[in-house]
PDB file of N, CA and C in Angstrom:
ATOM      1  N   MET A   1      39.629  28.861  33.531  1.00  0.00           N
ATOM      2  CA  MET A   1      38.896  27.831  32.461  1.00  0.00           C
ATOM      3  C   MET A   1      40.155  27.684  31.478  1.00  0.00           C
ATOM      4  N   ILE A   2      39.720  26.310  31.139  1.00  0.00           N
ATOM      5  CA  ILE A   2      40.647  25.734  30.303  1.00  0.00           C
ATOM      6  C   ILE A   2      40.062  25.444  28.677  1.00  0.00           C
ATOM      7  N   ASN A   3      40.835  25.349  28.407  1.00  0.00           N
ATOM      8  CA  ASN A   3      40.615  25.864  26.607  1.00  0.00           C
ATOM      9  C   ASN A   3      41.317  24.090  26.449  1.00  0.00           C
ATOM     10  N   ILE A   4      40.104  22.954  25.607  1.00  0.00           N
ATOM     11  CA  ILE A   4      40.778  22.354  25.161  1.00  0.00           C
ATOM     12  C   ILE A   4      40.395  21.942  23.798  1.00  0.00           C
ATOM     13  N   LYS A   5      41.326  21.708  22.633  1.00  0.00           N
ATOM     14  CA  LYS A   5      41.098  21.286  21.182  1.00  0.00           C
ATOM     15  C   LYS A   5      41.535  20.192  21.115  1.00  0.00           C
ATOM     16  N   THR A   6      40.569  19.520  20.274  1.00  0.00           N
ATOM     17  CA  THR A   6      40.341  18.279  19.515  1.00  0.00           C
ATOM     18  C   THR A   6      41.151  18.423  18.201  1.00  0.00           C
ATOM     19  N   LYS A   7      41.833  17.185  17.718  1.00  0.00           N
ATOM     20  CA  LYS A   7      41.857  17.038  16.408  1.00  0.00           C
ATOM     21  C   LYS A   7      41.198  16.386  15.579  1.00  0.00           C
ATOM     22  N   ASN A   8      40.639  15.541  16.120  1.00  0.00           N
ATOM     23  CA  ASN A   8      39.549  14.539  15.592  1.00  0.00           C
ATOM     24  C   ASN A   8      37.896  14.790  15.465  1.00  0.00           C
ATOM     25  N   THR A   9      37.800  15.784  15.303  1.00  0.00           N
ATOM     26  CA  THR A   9      36.454  16.528  15.572  1.00  0.00           C
ATOM     27  C   THR A   9      35.308  15.407  14.467  1.00  0.00           C
ATOM     28  N   LYS A  10      34.314  15.147  14.558  1.00  0.00           N
ATOM     29  CA  LYS A  10      33.517  14.160  13.614  1.00  0.00           C
ATOM     30  C   LYS A  10      31.904  15.144  13.498  1.00  0.00           C
ATOM     31  N   PRO A  11      31.322  15.297  12.800  1.00  0.00           N
ATOM     32  CA  PRO A  11      30.436  16.135  12.700  1.00  0.00           C
ATOM     33  C   PRO A  11      29.133  15.215  13.358  1.00  0.00           C
ATOM     34  N   THR A  12      28.679  16.368  13.833  1.00  0.00           N
ATOM     35  CA  THR A  12      27.339  15.526  14.546  1.00  0.00           C
ATOM     36  C   THR A  12      25.881  15.108  14.148  1.00  0.00           C
ATOM     37  N   GLY A  13      26.127  15.838  13.089  1.00  0.00           N
ATOM     38  CA  GLY A  13      24.363  14.982  12.358  1.00  0.00           C
ATOM     39  C   GLY A  13      25.337  14.627  10.881  1.00  0.00           C
ATOM     40  N   ARG A  14      23.820  13.842  10.661  1.00  0.00           N
ATOM     41  CA  ARG A  14      23.536  12.895   9.701  1.00  0.00           C
ATOM     42  C   ARG A  14      23.501  13.437   7.927  1.00  0.00           C
ATOM     43  N   THR A  15      23.782  13.575   7.155  1.00  0.00           N
ATOM     44  CA  THR A  15      23.326  14.182   6.374  1.00  0.00           C
ATOM     45  C   THR A  15      22.196  13.265   5.783  1.00  0.00           C
ATOM     46  N   THR A  16      21.076  14.067   5.278  1.00  0.00           N
ATOM     47  CA  THR A  16      19.805  13.431   4.795  1.00  0.00           C
ATOM     48  C   THR A  16      19.983  13.170   3.594  1.00  0.00           C
ATOM     49  N   PRO A  17      19.941  11.777   2.988  1.00  0.00           N
ATOM     50  CA  PRO A  17      19.779  11.612   0.963  1.00  0.00           C
ATOM     51  C   PRO A  17      18.055  12.433   1.081  1.00  0.00           C
ATOM     52  N   PRO A  18      18.789  12.747  -0.579  1.00  0.00           N
ATOM     53  CA  PRO A  18      17.592  13.338  -1.089  1.00  0.00           C
ATOM     54  C   PRO A  18      16.773  12.624  -1.246  1.00  0.00           C
ATOM     55  N   PRO A  19      15.292  13.092  -1.523  1.00  0.00           N
ATOM     56  CA  PRO A  19      14.307  12.194  -1.554  1.00  0.00           C
ATOM     57  C   PRO A  19      13.991  11.579  -3.169  1.00  0.00           C
ATOM     58  N   LYS A  20      13.780  10.185  -3.297  1.00  0.00           N
ATOM     59  CA  LYS A  20      13.823   9.750  -4.322  1.00  0.00           C
ATOM     60  C   LYS A  20      12.380  10.315  -4.780  1.00  0.00           C
ATOM     61  N   LYS A  21      12.159  10.074  -6.147  1.00  0.00           N
ATOM     62  CA  LYS A  21      11.084  10.213  -6.982  1.00  0.00           C
ATOM     63  C   LYS A  21      10.365   8.736  -7.284  1.00  0.00           C
ATOM     64  N   CYS A  22       9.327   8.309  -7.408  1.00  0.00           N
ATOM     65  CA  CYS A  22       8.976   7.137  -7.467  1.00  0.00           C
ATOM     66  C   CYS A  22       7.708   7.118  -8.570  1.00  0.00           C
ATOM     67  N   LEU A  23       7.083   6.015  -9.046  1.00  0.00           N
ATOM     68  CA  LEU A  23       5.742   5.598  -9.477  1.00  0.00           C
ATOM     69  C   LEU A  23       5.222   4.965  -8.496  1.00  0.00           C
ATOM     70  N   LEU A  24       3.835   4.887  -8.781  1.00  0.00           N
ATOM     71  CA  LEU A  24       2.662   4.207  -7.791  1.00  0.00           C
ATOM     72  C   LEU A  24       1.217   4.048  -8.298  1.00  0.00           C
ATOM     73  N   ALA A  25       1.907   2.698  -8.374  1.00  0.00           N
ATOM     74  CA  ALA A  25       0.628   1.401  -8.759  1.00  0.00           C
ATOM     75  C   ALA A  25      -0.473   0.987  -7.808  1.00  0.00           C
ATOM     76  N   ILE A  26      -1.296   0.685  -8.484  1.00  0.00           N
ATOM     77  CA  ILE A  26      -2.187   0.261  -6.988  1.00  0.00           C
ATOM     78  C   ILE A  26      -2.819  -1.524  -7.499  1.00  0.00           C
ATOM     79  N   GLY A  27      -3.248  -1.794  -6.663  1.00  0.00           N
ATOM     80  CA  GLY A  27      -3.693  -3.079  -7.469  1.00  0.00           C
ATOM     81  C   GLY A  27      -4.843  -3.197  -6.736  1.00  0.00           C
ATOM     82  N   TYR A  28      -6.047  -3.759  -7.464  1.00  0.00           N
ATOM     83  CA  TYR A  28      -7.676  -4.066  -7.433  1.00  0.00           C
ATOM     84  C   TYR A  28      -7.781  -5.260  -7.323  1.00  0.00           C
ATOM     85  N   PRO A  29      -8.653  -5.582  -6.331  1.00  0.00           N
ATOM     86  CA  PRO A  29      -8.862  -7.590  -6.559  1.00  0.00           C
ATOM     87  C   PRO A  29      -9.736  -8.110  -7.771  1.00  0.00           C
ATOM     88  N   THR A  30      -9.556  -8.564  -8.158  1.00  0.00           N
ATOM     89  CA  THR A  30     -10.322  -9.369  -9.122  1.00  0.00           C
ATOM     90  C   THR A  30     -10.955 -10.559  -8.445  1.00  0.00           C
ATOM     91  N   ASP A  31     -12.100 -11.501  -9.500  1.00  0.00           N
ATOM     92  CA  ASP A  31     -13.044 -12.152  -8.932  1.00  0.00           C
ATOM     93  C   ASP A  31     -11.964 -13.413  -8.429  1.00  0.00           C
ATOM     94  N   GLU A  32     -11.215 -13.587  -8.950  1.00  0.00           N
ATOM     95  CA  GLU A  32     -10.178 -14.857  -8.706  1.00  0.00           C
ATOM     96  C   GLU A  32      -9.212 -14.531  -7.177  1.00  0.00           C
ATOM     97  N   PRO A  33      -9.492 -15.532  -6.685  1.00  0.00           N
ATOM     98  CA  PRO A  33      -8.562 -14.885  -5.099  1.00  0.00           C
ATOM     99  C   PRO A  33      -7.359 -15.194  -5.662  1.00  0.00           C
ATOM    100  N   LEU A  34      -6.705 -14.186  -4.848  1.00  0.00           N
ATOM    101  CA  LEU A  34      -5.149 -14.035  -4.437  1.00  0.00           C
ATOM    102  C   LEU A  34      -4.680 -13.084  -5.728  1.00  0.00           C
ATOM    103  N   THR A  35      -5.617 -12.865  -6.979  1.00  0.00           N
ATOM    104  CA  THR A  35      -5.157 -11.994  -7.626  1.00  0.00           C
ATOM    105  C   THR A  35      -5.596 -10.347  -8.350  1.00  0.00           C
ATOM    106  N   TYR A  36      -4.733  -9.799  -8.339  1.00  0.00           N
ATOM    107  CA  TYR A  36      -5.024  -8.147  -8.278  1.00  0.00           C
ATOM    108  C   TYR A  36      -4.594  -7.722 -10.192  1.00  0.00           C
ATOM    109  N   ARG A  37      -5.287  -6.504 -10.165  1.00  0.00           N
ATOM    110  CA  ARG A  37      -4.975  -5.864 -11.237  1.00  0.00           C
ATOM    111  C   ARG A  37      -4.525  -4.442 -10.753  1.00  0.00           C
ATOM    112  N   TYR A  38      -3.313  -4.202 -11.548  1.00  0.00           N
ATOM    113  CA  TYR A  38      -2.535  -2.687 -10.953  1.00  0.00           C
ATOM    114  C   TYR A  38      -2.926  -1.735 -12.003  1.00  0.00           C
ATOM    115  N   GLU A  39      -3.165  -0.933 -11.538  1.00  0.00           N
ATOM    116  CA  GLU A  39      -3.229   0.420 -12.608  1.00  0.00           C
ATOM    117  C   GLU A  39      -2.354   1.317 -11.920  1.00  0.00           C
ATOM    118  N   THR A  40      -1.381   1.724 -13.014  1.00  0.00           N
ATOM    119  CA  THR A  40      -0.318   3.033 -12.469  1.00  0.00           C
ATOM    120  C   THR A  40      -1.317   4.203 -12.631  1.00  0.00           C
ATOM    121  N   ILE A  41      -0.867   5.203 -11.072  1.00  0.00           N
ATOM    122  CA  ILE A  41      -1.756   6.477 -11.045  1.00  0.00           C
ATOM    123  C   ILE A  41      -0.621   7.084 -11.204  1.00  0.00           C
ATOM    124  N   GLY A  42       0.540   7.301 -10.985  1.00  0.00           N
ATOM    125  CA  GLY A  42       1.580   8.465 -11.375  1.00  0.00           C
ATOM    126  C   GLY A  42       2.730   8.476 -10.969  1.00  0.00           C
ATOM    127  N   TYR A  43       3.354   9.019 -11.199  1.00  0.00           N
ATOM    128  CA  TYR A  43       5.000  10.226 -10.625  1.00  0.00           C
ATOM    129  C   TYR A  43       4.439  10.488  -9.465  1.00  0.00           C
ATOM    130  N   PHE A  44       5.288  10.651  -8.109  1.00  0.00           N
ATOM    131  CA  PHE A  44       5.129  11.054  -7.232  1.00  0.00           C
ATOM    132  C   PHE A  44       6.851  11.359  -6.906  1.00  0.00           C
ATOM    133  N   PRO A  45       7.064  12.734  -6.176  1.00  0.00           N
ATOM    134  CA  PRO A  45       8.136  13.186  -5.807  1.00  0.00           C
ATOM    135  C   PRO A  45       8.804  12.823  -4.557  1.00  0.00           C
ATOM    136  N   THR A  46       8.169  11.891  -3.949  1.00  0.00           N
ATOM    137  CA  THR A  46       8.702  11.199  -2.603  1.00  0.00           C
ATOM    138  C   THR A  46       7.816   9.958  -2.302  1.00  0.00           C
ATOM    139  N   LYS A  47       8.323   8.896  -1.787  1.00  0.00           N
ATOM    140  CA  LYS A  47       7.536   7.687  -1.498  1.00  0.00           C
ATOM    141  C   LYS A  47       6.317   8.547  -0.634  1.00  0.00           C
ATOM    142  N   THR A  48       6.699   9.014   0.472  1.00  0.00           N
ATOM    143  CA  THR A  48       5.592   9.424   1.209  1.00  0.00           C
ATOM    144  C   THR A  48       4.644  10.738   0.598  1.00  0.00           C
ATOM    145  N   ALA A  49       4.800  10.980   0.078  1.00  0.00           N
ATOM    146  CA  ALA A  49       3.582  11.288  -1.253  1.00  0.00           C
ATOM    147  C   ALA A  49       3.074  10.214  -1.578  1.00  0.00           C
ATOM    148  N   ALA A  50       3.493   9.374  -2.462  1.00  0.00           N
ATOM    149  CA  ALA A  50       2.827   8.017  -2.717  1.00  0.00           C
ATOM    150  C   ALA A  50       2.171   7.889  -1.733  1.00  0.00           C
ATOM    151  N   LYS A  51       2.713   6.666  -0.794  1.00  0.00           N
ATOM    152  CA  LYS A  51       2.005   6.502   0.449  1.00  0.00           C
ATOM    153  C   LYS A  51       0.640   6.986   0.652  1.00  0.00           C
ATOM    154  N   LYS A  52       0.936   8.706   0.916  1.00  0.00           N
ATOM    155  CA  LYS A  52      -0.198   9.708   1.246  1.00  0.00           C
ATOM    156  C   LYS A  52      -1.265   9.070   0.270  1.00  0.00           C
ATOM    157  N   GLU A  53      -0.850   9.721  -1.106  1.00  0.00           N
ATOM    158  CA  GLU A  53      -1.948   9.008  -2.488  1.00  0.00           C
ATOM    159  C   GLU A  53      -2.664   7.748  -1.980  1.00  0.00           C
ATOM    160  N   PHE A  54      -1.789   6.903  -2.004  1.00  0.00           N
ATOM    161  CA  PHE A  54      -2.680   5.521  -1.330  1.00  0.00           C
ATOM    162  C   PHE A  54      -3.404   5.262  -0.156  1.00  0.00           C
ATOM    163  N   ALA A  55      -3.146   6.114   0.947  1.00  0.00           N
ATOM    164  CA  ALA A  55      -3.974   6.109   2.031  1.00  0.00           C
ATOM    165  C   ALA A  55      -5.317   6.478   1.832  1.00  0.00           C
ATOM    166  N   GLU A  56      -5.335   8.166   0.847  1.00  0.00           N
ATOM    167  CA  GLU A  56      -6.649   7.959   1.075  1.00  0.00           C
ATOM    168  C   GLU A  56      -7.462   7.489   0.077  1.00  0.00           C
ATOM    169  N   ARG A  57      -6.913   6.747  -1.013  1.00  0.00           N
ATOM    170  CA  ARG A  57      -7.808   5.680  -1.867  1.00  0.00           C
ATOM    171  C   ARG A  57      -7.929   4.531  -0.945  1.00  0.00           C
ATOM    172  N   ARG A  58      -6.868   3.936  -0.185  1.00  0.00           N
ATOM    173  CA  ARG A  58      -7.396   2.816   0.913  1.00  0.00           C
ATOM    174  C   ARG A  58      -8.213   3.292   1.768  1.00  0.00           C
ATOM    175  N   GLU A  59      -8.839   4.799   2.119  1.00  0.00           N
ATOM    176  CA  GLU A  59      -9.767   4.698   3.223  1.00  0.00           C
ATOM    177  C   GLU A  59     -11.546   4.132   2.124  1.00  0.00           C
ATOM    178  N   LYS A  60     -11.286   4.496   0.983  1.00  0.00           N
ATOM    179  CA  LYS A  60     -12.489   4.239   0.314  1.00  0.00           C
ATOM    180  C   LYS A  60     -12.542   2.508  -0.080  1.00  0.00           C
ATOM    181  N   ARG A  61     -11.783   2.348  -0.209  1.00  0.00           N
ATOM    182  CA  ARG A  61     -11.346   0.508  -0.582  1.00  0.00           C
ATOM    183  C   ARG A  61     -10.248   0.280   0.145  1.00  0.00           C
ATOM    184  N   PRO A  62     -10.686  -0.723   1.302  1.00  0.00           N
ATOM    185  CA  PRO A  62      -9.829  -0.997   2.191  1.00  0.00           C
ATOM    186  C   PRO A  62      -8.931  -2.579   1.734  1.00  0.00           C
ATOM    187  N   ASP A  63      -9.231  -3.121   0.566  1.00  0.00           N
ATOM    188  CA  ASP A  63      -8.810  -4.018  -0.274  1.00  0.00           C
ATOM    189  C   ASP A  63      -7.528  -4.248  -1.034  1.00  0.00           C
ATOM    190  N   LEU A  64      -7.042  -3.092  -1.254  1.00  0.00           N
ATOM    191  CA  LEU A  64      -6.120  -2.276  -2.328  1.00  0.00           C
ATOM    192  C   LEU A  64      -4.644  -2.272  -1.849  1.00  0.00           C
ATOM    193  N   LEU A  65      -4.081  -2.974  -3.031  1.00  0.00           N
ATOM    194  CA  LEU A  65      -2.447  -3.086  -2.559  1.00  0.00           C
ATOM    195  C   LEU A  65      -1.549  -2.043  -3.320  1.00  0.00           C
ATOM    196  N   PHE A  66      -0.701  -1.959  -2.847  1.00  0.00           N
ATOM    197  CA  PHE A  66      -0.012  -0.805  -3.706  1.00  0.00           C
ATOM    198  C   PHE A  66       1.675  -0.981  -3.794  1.00  0.00           C
ATOM    199  N   LEU A  67       2.151  -0.593  -4.781  1.00  0.00           N
ATOM    200  CA  LEU A  67       3.635  -0.752  -5.280  1.00  0.00           C
ATOM    201  C   LEU A  67       4.231   0.298  -5.926  1.00  0.00           C
ATOM    202  N   ILE A  68       5.460   0.740  -4.957  1.00  0.00           N
ATOM    203  CA  ILE A  68       6.004   1.967  -5.298  1.00  0.00           C
ATOM    204  C   ILE A  68       7.240   1.385  -5.844  1.00  0.00           C
ATOM    205  N   LEU A  69       7.603   1.970  -6.706  1.00  0.00           N
ATOM    206  CA  LEU A  69       8.969   1.766  -7.759  1.00  0.00           C
ATOM    207  C   LEU A  69       9.606   2.776  -7.749  1.00  0.00           C
ATOM    208  N   GLU A  70      10.863   2.719  -7.817  1.00  0.00           N
ATOM    209  CA  GLU A  70      11.988   4.130  -7.923  1.00  0.00           C
ATOM    210  C   GLU A  70      12.020   4.846  -9.499  1.00  0.00           C
ATOM    211  N   THR A  71      11.938   5.404  -9.476  1.00  0.00           N
ATOM    212  CA  THR A  71      12.004   5.902 -11.042  1.00  0.00           C
ATOM    213  C   THR A  71      13.518   5.741 -11.851  1.00  0.00           C
ATOM    214  N   ASN A  72      14.344   5.888 -10.991  1.00  0.00           N
ATOM    215  CA  ASN A  72      15.773   5.707 -11.238  1.00  0.00           C
ATOM    216  C   ASN A  72      16.518   3.800 -11.564  1.00  0.00           C
ATOM    217  N   ALA A  73      15.277   3.322 -11.834  1.00  0.00           N
ATOM    218  CA  ALA A  73      15.457   2.058 -11.423  1.00  0.00           C
ATOM    219  C   ALA A  73      16.359   1.377 -12.765  1.00  0.00           C
ATOM    220  N   ASP A  74      17.045   0.462 -12.717  1.00  0.00           N
ATOM    221  CA  ASP A  74      17.530  -0.140 -13.606  1.00  0.00           C
ATOM    222  C   ASP A  74      16.511  -0.227 -14.636  1.00  0.00           C
ATOM    223  N   PRO A  75      17.245  -0.023 -16.413  1.00  0.00           N
ATOM    224  CA  PRO A  75      16.718   0.150 -17.283  1.00  0.00           C
ATOM    225  C   PRO A  75      16.332  -1.655 -17.915  1.00  0.00           C
ATOM    226  N   ARG A  76      16.679  -2.197 -17.047  1.00  0.00           N
ATOM    227  CA  ARG A  76      16.548  -3.835 -17.652  1.00  0.00           C
ATOM    228  C   ARG A  76      15.178  -4.018 -16.538  1.00  0.00           C
ATOM    229  N   ALA A  77      14.761  -3.212 -15.528  1.00  0.00           N
ATOM    230  CA  ALA A  77      13.650  -3.905 -14.672  1.00  0.00           C
ATOM    231  C   ALA A  77      12.050  -3.749 -15.385  1.00  0.00           C
ATOM    232  N   VAL A  78      11.543  -4.908 -16.039  1.00  0.00           N
ATOM    233  CA  VAL A  78      10.685  -4.952 -16.781  1.00  0.00           C
ATOM    234  C   VAL A  78       9.548  -4.084 -16.240  1.00  0.00           C
ATOM    235  N   VAL A  79       9.031  -4.921 -14.645  1.00  0.00           N
ATOM    236  CA  VAL A  79       7.900  -4.092 -14.172  1.00  0.00           C
ATOM    237  C   VAL A  79       8.093  -2.702 -13.932  1.00  0.00           C
ATOM    238  N   TYR A  80       8.857  -2.257 -13.623  1.00  0.00           N
ATOM    239  CA  TYR A  80       9.171  -0.429 -13.730  1.00  0.00           C
ATOM    240  C   TYR A  80       8.471   0.009 -15.306  1.00  0.00           C
ATOM    241  N   GLN A  81       9.302  -1.016 -16.392  1.00  0.00           N
ATOM    242  CA  GLN A  81       8.731  -0.061 -17.585  1.00  0.00           C
ATOM    243  C   GLN A  81       7.536  -0.401 -17.942  1.00  0.00           C
ATOM    244  N   LYS A  82       6.968  -1.597 -17.231  1.00  0.00           N
ATOM    245  CA  LYS A  82       5.533  -2.290 -18.019  1.00  0.00           C
ATOM    246  C   LYS A  82       4.587  -1.103 -17.364  1.00  0.00           C
ATOM    247  N   PHE A  83       4.677  -0.594 -16.387  1.00  0.00           N
ATOM    248  CA  PHE A  83       3.979   0.181 -15.428  1.00  0.00           C
ATOM    249  C   PHE A  83       4.302   1.874 -16.062  1.00  0.00           C
ATOM    250  N   ALA A  84       5.263   2.181 -16.235  1.00  0.00           N
ATOM    251  CA  ALA A  84       5.548   3.774 -16.880  1.00  0.00           C
ATOM    252  C   ALA A  84       5.197   3.320 -18.629  1.00  0.00           C
ATOM    253  N   ASP A  85       5.763   2.533 -19.172  1.00  0.00           N
ATOM    254  CA  ASP A  85       4.346   2.972 -20.247  1.00  0.00           C
ATOM    255  C   ASP A  85       2.823   2.725 -20.316  1.00  0.00           C
ATOM    256  N   ALA A  86       2.327   2.020 -19.554  1.00  0.00           N
ATOM    257  CA  ALA A  86       1.076   2.324 -18.978  1.00  0.00           C
ATOM    258  C   ALA A  86       0.681   3.824 -19.095  1.00  0.00           C
ATOM    259  N   LEU A  87       1.314   4.500 -18.333  1.00  0.00           N
ATOM    260  CA  LEU A  87       1.301   5.812 -17.581  1.00  0.00           C
ATOM    261  C   LEU A  87       0.980   6.574 -18.957  1.00  0.00           C
ATOM    262  N   GLU A  88       2.090   6.425 -19.564  1.00  0.00           N
ATOM    263  CA  GLU A  88       2.418   6.842 -21.043  1.00  0.00           C
ATOM    264  C   GLU A  88       1.199   7.046 -21.923  1.00  0.00           C
ATOM    265  N   GLN A  89       0.317   6.167 -21.771  1.00  0.00           N
ATOM    266  CA  GLN A  89      -0.814   5.808 -22.792  1.00  0.00           C
ATOM    267  C   GLN A  89      -2.002   6.762 -22.579  1.00  0.00           C
TER     268      GLN A  89
END
């Protein structure tokens, strides 16, 4: 039996980053072409959960669009602030 020791062993697996909380907004088409009215749906623990909620709604209306924004966005992010404010109202 041969016993070999290595000095520089690297970990074999990668660490998974923690899930990012996000805000989901869904765009509904208007009468004007290529124009959508967005409605803030809510906060979700992960992007996957937000996409699942969107998929359930899209089954009923296939013409919807979605926008997922991370909740730890830059405070100067105007779009995020507008959707967050709409959710609080």
